[in-house]
Amino acid sequence: MNKVALLRSLKNASRSNFFSLEIPNTIEDGKQVEELAKELVRDGNIKIRECVQREYSIYLHGIIKYASE
């Protein structure tokens, strides 16, 4: 998974500008998803309210920031 694919998944899982997504993964993938989410926060695309690493998944909850291009 890369940054663009994660952002696309978040946009598909969003209601209005809020998103809630649970991604099944392994331990290594969970760390990668967290890093990608942090990059999206730094880029200004999303704001994360909650990021929980569970045993078999990672749960992301937050806001997608829309900007005119």
C-alpha atoms as a PDB file:
ATOM      1  CA  MET A   1       0.000   0.000   0.000  1.00  0.00           C
ATOM      2  CA  ASN A   2       1.247   3.477  -0.802  1.00  0.00           C
ATOM      3  CA  LYS A   3       0.180   6.979   0.209  1.00  0.00           C
ATOM      4  CA  VAL A   4      -2.134   7.504  -2.776  1.00  0.00           C
ATOM      5  CA  ALA A   5      -3.890   4.165  -2.269  1.00  0.00           C
ATOM      6  CA  LEU A   6      -4.439   4.938   1.424  1.00  0.00           C
ATOM      7  CA  LEU A   7      -5.879   8.370   0.622  1.00  0.00           C
ATOM      8  CA  ARG A   8      -8.182   6.802  -1.989  1.00  0.00           C
ATOM      9  CA  SER A   9      -9.369   4.240   0.574  1.00  0.00           C
ATOM     10  CA  LEU A  10     -10.033   6.992   3.100  1.00  0.00           C
ATOM     11  CA  LYS A  11     -12.032   9.012   0.571  1.00  0.00           C
ATOM     12  CA  ASN A  12     -14.111   5.935  -0.311  1.00  0.00           C
ATOM     13  CA  ALA A  13     -14.768   5.233   3.387  1.00  0.00           C
ATOM     14  CA  SER A  14     -15.729   8.810   4.177  1.00  0.00           C
ATOM     15  CA  ARG A  15     -19.102  10.248   5.004  1.00  0.00           C
ATOM     16  CA  SER A  16     -19.003  13.939   4.191  1.00  0.00           C
ATOM     17  CA  ASN A  17     -15.466  14.793   5.308  1.00  0.00           C
ATOM     18  CA  PHE A  18     -15.269  12.326   8.233  1.00  0.00           C
ATOM     19  CA  PHE A  19     -13.761   8.904   7.701  1.00  0.00           C
ATOM     20  CA  SER A  20     -13.659   5.708   9.686  1.00  0.00           C
ATOM     21  CA  LEU A  21     -11.683   2.799   8.276  1.00  0.00           C
ATOM     22  CA  GLU A  22     -10.475  -0.528   9.605  1.00  0.00           C
ATOM     23  CA  ILE A  23      -7.671  -2.113   7.581  1.00  0.00           C
ATOM     24  CA  PRO A  24      -6.824  -5.798   8.127  1.00  0.00           C
ATOM     25  CA  ASN A  25      -3.071  -6.342   8.291  1.00  0.00           C
ATOM     26  CA  THR A  26      -0.028  -7.929   9.814  1.00  0.00           C
ATOM     27  CA  ILE A  27       2.299  -6.231  12.307  1.00  0.00           C
ATOM     28  CA  GLU A  28       4.641  -4.929   9.581  1.00  0.00           C
ATOM     29  CA  ASP A  29       1.763  -3.577   7.481  1.00  0.00           C
ATOM     30  CA  GLY A  30       0.311  -1.813  10.523  1.00  0.00           C
ATOM     31  CA  LYS A  31       3.496   0.149  11.065  1.00  0.00           C
ATOM     32  CA  GLN A  32       3.584   1.029   7.364  1.00  0.00           C
ATOM     33  CA  VAL A  33      -0.038   2.234   7.425  1.00  0.00           C
ATOM     34  CA  GLU A  34       0.685   4.391  10.474  1.00  0.00           C
ATOM     35  CA  GLU A  35       3.695   5.966   8.730  1.00  0.00           C
ATOM     36  CA  LEU A  36       1.660   6.622   5.572  1.00  0.00           C
ATOM     37  CA  ALA A  37      -1.109   8.210   7.645  1.00  0.00           C
ATOM     38  CA  LYS A  38       1.462  10.445   9.370  1.00  0.00           C
ATOM     39  CA  GLU A  39       2.766  11.520   5.946  1.00  0.00           C
ATOM     40  CA  LEU A  40      -0.772  12.423   4.849  1.00  0.00           C
ATOM     41  CA  VAL A  41      -1.152  14.489   8.024  1.00  0.00           C
ATOM     42  CA  ARG A  42       2.137  16.291   7.301  1.00  0.00           C
ATOM     43  CA  ASP A  43       1.011  16.940   3.710  1.00  0.00           C
ATOM     44  CA  GLY A  44      -2.199  18.477   5.036  1.00  0.00           C
ATOM     45  CA  ASN A  45      -4.563  15.968   3.403  1.00  0.00           C
ATOM     46  CA  ILE A  46      -6.091  14.502   6.572  1.00  0.00           C
ATOM     47  CA  LYS A  47      -6.356  15.050  10.308  1.00  0.00           C
ATOM     48  CA  ILE A  48      -6.327  11.900  12.437  1.00  0.00           C
ATOM     49  CA  ARG A  49      -8.504  11.802  15.526  1.00  0.00           C
ATOM     50  CA  GLU A  50      -7.802   8.185  16.398  1.00  0.00           C
ATOM     51  CA  CYS A  51      -5.333   5.573  15.192  1.00  0.00           C
ATOM     52  CA  VAL A  52      -5.561   2.255  17.015  1.00  0.00           C
ATOM     53  CA  GLN A  53      -3.338  -0.751  16.294  1.00  0.00           C
ATOM     54  CA  ARG A  54      -5.366  -3.860  17.025  1.00  0.00           C
ATOM     55  CA  GLU A  55      -4.227  -7.465  16.914  1.00  0.00           C
ATOM     56  CA  TYR A  56      -5.286  -8.127  13.305  1.00  0.00           C
ATOM     57  CA  SER A  57      -6.182  -4.669  12.012  1.00  0.00           C
ATOM     58  CA  ILE A  58      -5.560  -0.960  12.287  1.00  0.00           C
ATOM     59  CA  TYR A  59      -8.428   1.470  12.890  1.00  0.00           C
ATOM     60  CA  LEU A  60      -8.220   5.015  11.511  1.00  0.00           C
ATOM     61  CA  HIS A  61     -10.744   7.756  12.320  1.00  0.00           C
ATOM     62  CA  GLY A  62     -10.460  11.382  11.351  1.00  0.00           C
ATOM     63  CA  ILE A  63     -11.215  14.197   8.910  1.00  0.00           C
ATOM     64  CA  ILE A  64     -10.314  14.569   5.238  1.00  0.00           C
ATOM     65  CA  LYS A  65      -9.269  18.114   4.456  1.00  0.00           C
ATOM     66  CA  TYR A  66     -10.568  19.326   1.105  1.00  0.00           C
ATOM     67  CA  ALA A  67      -8.760  22.120  -0.690  1.00  0.00           C
ATOM     68  CA  SER A  68      -9.402  23.783  -3.995  1.00  0.00           C
ATOM     69  CA  GLU A  69      -6.797  22.984  -6.606  1.00  0.00           C
END
